Amino acid sequence: MSVWLPTGSCTPEACLTDPAPAVALPRRVVRLAAFLVVLTVGLALLVPARALPRGPRDRLARFWARGLLGSLGVAVRIEPGPGGVPGGALVVANHVSWLDIPLIAATSPGRSLAKTEVRHWPVLGPVIAWGGTVFVDRDRLRTLPAAVAEVAEGLRSGQPVIVFPEGSTWCGRESGRFRPAFFEAAVRSGAVVQPLAIRYRLDDGRPTSAPAFIGEDGLLTSLARVVAVRGLVAELTYRAPITAPPADPAHPWEARKALARTAQSAVEGIR
């Protein structure tokens, strides 16, 4: 275990105790089958989609991500509306579930930052990697500067880059501190920071931790839990973009730390 590796205190035993209304077994089977079909279509489109211009490619990614969530029975709610993300913005959000990635892609596709283990996930791994994901080895601190530089370069090229600064998933009732490391990419590139808040609810408005992917939870276990929920709603709330402050040569770390605090306050302010 790395000395710098962020870890959440949430565990399945402690945080996944609230019962959620469930659909019958046949509906779960149908959802799982539909999910696999949408995933397969996504894999089949990986190569031809690369040849598309960015606009059509982003529209295809949004359509596919919404189809993926819909196949699982997840409704998407966007607040205050799908205004989109400024080009070259560092998109930062709280992190609850593997569903967070297609949820953001359903409105604002972009490159993502992910741990190296995600690359080896069955089926989902290649799809995530295809989107230009920046992978960081969280067990090797010396790889961090190169990952920050790659994110900064992506921002300079006008691409949105999606980062979950908590560094680990939380159940949604609890959250972690936004780590400042990747805010350095916004400071270096002069990019704006777009905070997003992610919440999962039932269709009657009650919050639920059922989609949380925490602790020693397995991907297949989490998938089975998601397809079982009746009336699952994923909420994505846009907050006002934040302009990155200029770096102070005398205290180069202060700008990214201040940016991380401001972004976290924006995200937590609507929970």
Protein backbone atom coordinates (compact mmCIF):
# COMPACT_ATOMS: atom_id res chain seq x y z
CA MET A 1 0.00 0.00 0.00
CA SER A 2 1.37 3.39 -1.00
CA VAL A 3 1.91 6.00 1.70
CA TRP A 4 0.13 8.59 -0.48
CA LEU A 5 -2.69 6.44 -1.80
CA PRO A 6 -6.05 8.05 -0.91
CA THR A 7 -8.44 5.63 0.77
CA GLY A 8 -12.05 6.05 1.78
CA SER A 9 -13.48 4.95 5.11
CA CYS A 10 -16.64 3.61 3.41
CA THR A 11 -17.14 -0.16 3.28
CA PRO A 12 -19.94 -2.30 1.84
CA GLU A 13 -20.74 -3.65 5.31
CA ALA A 14 -21.13 -0.19 6.85
CA CYS A 15 -22.52 1.86 3.97
CA LEU A 16 -24.71 -0.43 1.87
CA THR A 17 -27.23 -1.22 4.57
CA ASP A 18 -30.19 0.90 3.40
CA PRO A 19 -32.68 -1.33 1.57
CA ALA A 20 -33.69 -0.14 -1.89
CA PRO A 21 -36.83 -1.23 -3.75
CA ALA A 22 -35.95 -4.07 -6.07
CA VAL A 23 -37.23 -5.31 -9.40
CA ALA A 24 -38.06 -8.95 -10.01
CA LEU A 25 -35.41 -11.40 -11.17
CA PRO A 26 -36.62 -11.50 -14.82
CA ARG A 27 -36.24 -7.70 -15.06
CA ARG A 28 -32.72 -7.97 -13.67
CA VAL A 29 -31.83 -10.54 -16.32
CA VAL A 30 -33.24 -8.33 -19.07
CA ARG A 31 -31.28 -5.34 -17.80
CA LEU A 32 -28.05 -7.30 -17.61
CA ALA A 33 -28.57 -8.65 -21.14
CA ALA A 34 -29.28 -5.14 -22.46
CA PHE A 35 -26.18 -3.83 -20.69
CA LEU A 36 -24.02 -6.47 -22.36
CA VAL A 37 -25.52 -5.65 -25.76
CA VAL A 38 -24.79 -1.93 -25.37
CA LEU A 39 -21.25 -2.71 -24.20
CA THR A 40 -20.71 -4.98 -27.18
CA VAL A 41 -21.94 -2.29 -29.56
CA GLY A 42 -19.55 0.15 -27.90
CA LEU A 43 -16.64 -2.20 -28.43
CA ALA A 44 -17.61 -2.71 -32.07
CA LEU A 45 -17.66 1.06 -32.62
CA LEU A 46 -14.29 1.75 -31.01
CA VAL A 47 -12.23 1.62 -34.20
CA PRO A 48 -14.61 3.37 -36.67
CA ALA A 49 -15.42 6.09 -34.12
CA ARG A 50 -11.77 7.08 -33.99
CA ALA A 51 -12.03 8.32 -37.57
CA LEU A 52 -14.89 10.70 -36.81
CA PRO A 53 -14.36 14.42 -36.19
CA ARG A 54 -14.59 15.44 -32.55
CA GLY A 55 -18.16 16.79 -32.75
CA PRO A 56 -19.80 13.64 -34.14
CA ARG A 57 -17.57 11.48 -31.94
CA ASP A 58 -18.72 13.33 -28.81
CA ARG A 59 -22.37 13.03 -29.86
CA LEU A 60 -21.89 9.30 -30.37
CA ALA A 61 -20.24 9.01 -26.94
CA ARG A 62 -23.15 10.84 -25.28
CA PHE A 63 -25.69 8.63 -27.04
CA TRP A 64 -23.81 5.47 -26.07
CA ALA A 65 -23.36 6.53 -22.42
CA ARG A 66 -27.06 7.32 -22.06
CA GLY A 67 -27.88 3.96 -23.62
CA LEU A 68 -25.57 2.22 -21.15
CA LEU A 69 -27.23 3.89 -18.17
CA GLY A 70 -30.70 3.29 -19.59
CA SER A 71 -29.97 -0.41 -20.06
CA LEU A 72 -29.30 -0.63 -16.32
CA GLY A 73 -32.54 1.12 -15.45
CA VAL A 74 -30.77 4.32 -14.39
CA ALA A 75 -32.59 7.59 -15.15
CA VAL A 76 -30.40 10.67 -15.69
CA ARG A 77 -31.26 14.06 -14.23
CA ILE A 78 -29.12 17.07 -15.10
CA GLU A 79 -29.28 20.33 -13.15
CA PRO A 80 -29.63 23.15 -14.00
CA GLY A 81 -29.46 21.86 -17.57
CA PRO A 82 -27.02 20.36 -20.11
CA GLY A 83 -25.13 23.58 -20.73
CA GLY A 84 -21.99 21.65 -21.52
CA VAL A 85 -18.44 22.03 -20.31
CA PRO A 86 -16.10 24.74 -21.60
CA GLY A 87 -13.47 23.42 -23.99
CA GLY A 88 -10.25 22.60 -22.22
CA ALA A 89 -11.85 22.58 -18.78
CA LEU A 90 -10.69 20.45 -15.87
CA VAL A 91 -13.91 18.69 -14.85
CA VAL A 92 -13.89 17.68 -11.16
CA ALA A 93 -16.56 15.73 -9.30
CA ASN A 94 -17.14 13.73 -6.17
CA HIS A 95 -16.70 10.01 -6.73
CA VAL A 96 -19.32 7.44 -5.75
CA SER A 97 -19.43 4.70 -8.36
CA TRP A 98 -18.12 3.35 -11.65
CA LEU A 99 -21.42 4.74 -12.96
CA ASP A 100 -19.98 8.25 -12.50
CA ILE A 101 -17.93 7.89 -15.69
CA PRO A 102 -20.80 7.14 -18.12
CA LEU A 103 -22.95 9.67 -16.22
CA ILE A 104 -20.54 12.51 -17.01
CA ALA A 105 -19.96 11.17 -20.54
CA ALA A 106 -23.72 11.27 -21.12
CA THR A 107 -23.54 15.07 -21.04
CA SER A 108 -19.90 16.13 -21.43
CA PRO A 109 -17.57 13.53 -22.95
CA GLY A 110 -13.87 14.07 -22.39
CA ARG A 111 -10.68 12.37 -21.40
CA SER A 112 -10.70 10.83 -17.94
CA LEU A 113 -8.16 10.15 -15.24
CA ALA A 114 -8.33 6.65 -13.81
CA LYS A 115 -6.28 4.24 -11.76
CA THR A 116 -4.30 1.69 -13.76
CA GLU A 117 -6.44 -1.19 -12.47
CA VAL A 118 -9.39 0.11 -14.51
CA ARG A 119 -7.53 -0.70 -17.73
CA HIS A 120 -7.84 -4.41 -16.88
CA TRP A 121 -11.55 -4.44 -16.04
CA PRO A 122 -13.43 -6.98 -18.18
CA VAL A 123 -15.12 -5.36 -21.20
CA LEU A 124 -15.43 -1.92 -19.57
CA GLY A 125 -11.65 -1.49 -19.38
CA PRO A 126 -11.03 -1.29 -23.16
CA VAL A 127 -13.96 1.10 -23.62
CA ILE A 128 -12.63 3.43 -20.91
CA ALA A 129 -9.10 3.25 -22.31
CA TRP A 130 -10.30 4.07 -25.82
CA GLY A 131 -11.53 7.49 -24.71
CA GLY A 132 -7.96 8.69 -24.19
CA THR A 133 -7.97 7.97 -20.47
CA VAL A 134 -4.92 9.10 -18.53
CA PHE A 135 -3.96 6.23 -16.24
CA VAL A 136 -2.11 6.85 -12.99
CA ASP A 137 -0.41 4.17 -10.92
CA ARG A 138 -1.48 5.13 -7.42
CA ASP A 139 1.07 2.77 -5.89
CA ARG A 140 4.02 4.59 -7.52
CA LEU A 141 4.35 8.20 -6.45
CA ARG A 142 7.04 8.91 -9.04
CA THR A 143 4.53 8.47 -11.86
CA LEU A 144 2.37 11.34 -10.60
CA PRO A 145 4.27 14.26 -12.24
CA ALA A 146 4.03 12.62 -15.68
CA ALA A 147 0.29 12.07 -15.26
CA VAL A 148 -0.20 15.72 -14.21
CA ALA A 149 1.79 16.85 -17.26
CA GLU A 150 -0.34 14.66 -19.55
CA VAL A 151 -3.55 16.14 -18.12
CA ALA A 152 -2.16 19.68 -18.57
CA GLU A 153 -1.31 18.93 -22.19
CA GLY A 154 -4.83 17.63 -22.80
CA LEU A 155 -6.27 20.83 -21.35
CA ARG A 156 -4.03 22.98 -23.54
CA SER A 157 -5.26 21.13 -26.60
CA GLY A 158 -8.83 22.15 -25.80
CA GLN A 159 -10.03 18.80 -24.45
CA PRO A 160 -12.06 18.51 -21.25
CA VAL A 161 -10.34 16.19 -18.76
CA ILE A 162 -12.40 14.51 -16.03
CA VAL A 163 -10.80 14.00 -12.62
CA PHE A 164 -12.17 12.67 -9.33
CA PRO A 165 -9.96 14.53 -6.84
CA GLU A 166 -11.05 12.51 -3.80
CA GLY A 167 -8.79 9.79 -5.20
CA SER A 168 -11.16 7.05 -4.08
CA THR A 169 -14.86 6.27 -4.09
CA TRP A 170 -17.19 7.16 -1.21
CA CYS A 171 -20.73 6.04 -0.50
CA GLY A 172 -22.31 9.45 -1.13
CA ARG A 173 -23.28 10.07 2.48
CA GLU A 174 -19.61 10.60 3.31
CA SER A 175 -16.98 12.29 1.16
CA GLY A 176 -13.24 12.72 1.03
CA ARG A 177 -10.92 15.70 0.76
CA PHE A 178 -10.16 16.94 -2.74
CA ARG A 179 -6.48 16.21 -3.31
CA PRO A 180 -4.73 19.17 -4.97
CA ALA A 181 -2.25 17.30 -7.21
CA PHE A 182 -4.21 17.38 -10.48
CA PHE A 183 -5.43 20.94 -9.95
CA GLU A 184 -1.83 21.79 -10.80
CA ALA A 185 -2.69 20.87 -14.41
CA ALA A 186 -5.30 23.66 -14.49
CA VAL A 187 -2.85 26.14 -12.97
CA ARG A 188 -0.16 25.27 -15.54
CA SER A 189 -2.50 25.40 -18.52
CA GLY A 190 -4.65 28.33 -17.39
CA ALA A 191 -7.74 26.12 -17.74
CA VAL A 192 -11.03 26.74 -16.00
CA VAL A 193 -12.25 24.19 -13.46
CA GLN A 194 -15.79 22.87 -13.91
CA PRO A 195 -17.16 21.41 -10.63
CA LEU A 196 -19.87 18.76 -10.90
CA ALA A 197 -21.79 17.15 -8.06
CA ILE A 198 -22.98 13.56 -8.38
CA ARG A 199 -25.83 12.17 -6.30
CA TYR A 200 -27.84 8.96 -6.56
CA ARG A 201 -31.47 8.88 -5.49
CA LEU A 202 -34.57 6.77 -5.80
CA ASP A 203 -37.42 8.11 -7.89
CA ASP A 204 -39.24 9.21 -4.71
CA GLY A 205 -36.33 11.54 -3.88
CA ARG A 206 -34.66 9.47 -1.17
CA PRO A 207 -30.86 9.23 -1.38
CA THR A 208 -29.45 5.75 -1.89
CA SER A 209 -25.98 4.26 -1.56
CA ALA A 210 -26.84 1.20 -3.67
CA PRO A 211 -24.65 2.30 -6.63
CA ALA A 212 -21.62 3.01 -4.43
CA PHE A 213 -18.48 1.10 -5.45
CA ILE A 214 -16.45 1.10 -2.26
CA GLY A 215 -13.94 -0.82 -0.19
CA GLU A 216 -13.44 -4.38 -1.35
CA ASP A 217 -16.59 -4.29 -3.47
CA GLY A 218 -16.25 -6.24 -6.72
CA LEU A 219 -17.35 -4.89 -10.09
CA LEU A 220 -19.69 -7.81 -10.77
CA THR A 221 -21.17 -7.57 -7.27
CA SER A 222 -21.78 -3.85 -7.78
CA LEU A 223 -23.30 -4.46 -11.22
CA ALA A 224 -25.70 -7.03 -9.76
CA ARG A 225 -26.74 -4.55 -7.08
CA VAL A 226 -27.37 -1.77 -9.62
CA VAL A 227 -29.54 -3.88 -11.96
CA ALA A 228 -31.68 -4.90 -8.98
CA VAL A 229 -32.68 -1.35 -7.93
CA ARG A 230 -36.09 -0.04 -8.88
CA GLY A 231 -36.29 3.67 -9.74
CA LEU A 232 -32.58 4.57 -9.56
CA VAL A 233 -31.90 8.20 -10.54
CA ALA A 234 -28.42 9.63 -11.20
CA GLU A 235 -28.22 13.37 -10.65
CA LEU A 236 -25.50 15.53 -12.14
CA THR A 237 -25.40 19.16 -11.01
CA TYR A 238 -23.26 21.77 -12.77
CA ARG A 239 -21.74 24.56 -10.70
CA ALA A 240 -20.21 27.78 -11.98
CA PRO A 241 -16.79 27.32 -13.61
CA ILE A 242 -13.81 28.46 -11.54
CA THR A 243 -10.88 30.36 -13.02
CA ALA A 244 -7.54 28.95 -11.97
CA PRO A 245 -5.42 31.49 -10.07
CA PRO A 246 -1.93 32.28 -11.36
CA ALA A 247 0.92 30.40 -9.77
CA ASP A 248 3.05 32.19 -7.19
CA PRO A 249 6.71 31.30 -7.91
CA ALA A 250 7.53 31.76 -4.23
CA HIS A 251 4.79 29.34 -3.16
CA PRO A 252 3.97 27.20 -6.20
CA TRP A 253 1.76 24.78 -4.28
CA GLU A 254 -0.64 27.40 -2.90
CA ALA A 255 -2.58 27.95 -6.16
CA ARG A 256 -3.51 24.29 -6.58
CA LYS A 257 -4.41 23.93 -2.90
CA ALA A 258 -6.68 26.99 -3.04
CA LEU A 259 -8.27 25.72 -6.26
CA ALA A 260 -8.95 22.31 -4.69
CA ARG A 261 -10.62 23.92 -1.66
CA THR A 262 -12.78 26.19 -3.81
CA ALA A 263 -13.86 23.33 -6.07
CA GLN A 264 -14.74 21.08 -3.15
CA SER A 265 -16.80 23.82 -1.54
CA ALA A 266 -18.70 24.27 -4.81
CA VAL A 267 -19.45 20.54 -5.09
CA GLU A 268 -20.44 20.06 -1.46
CA GLY A 269 -22.56 23.18 -1.41
CA ILE A 270 -25.44 21.47 -3.22
CA ARG A 271 -25.48 18.14 -1.40
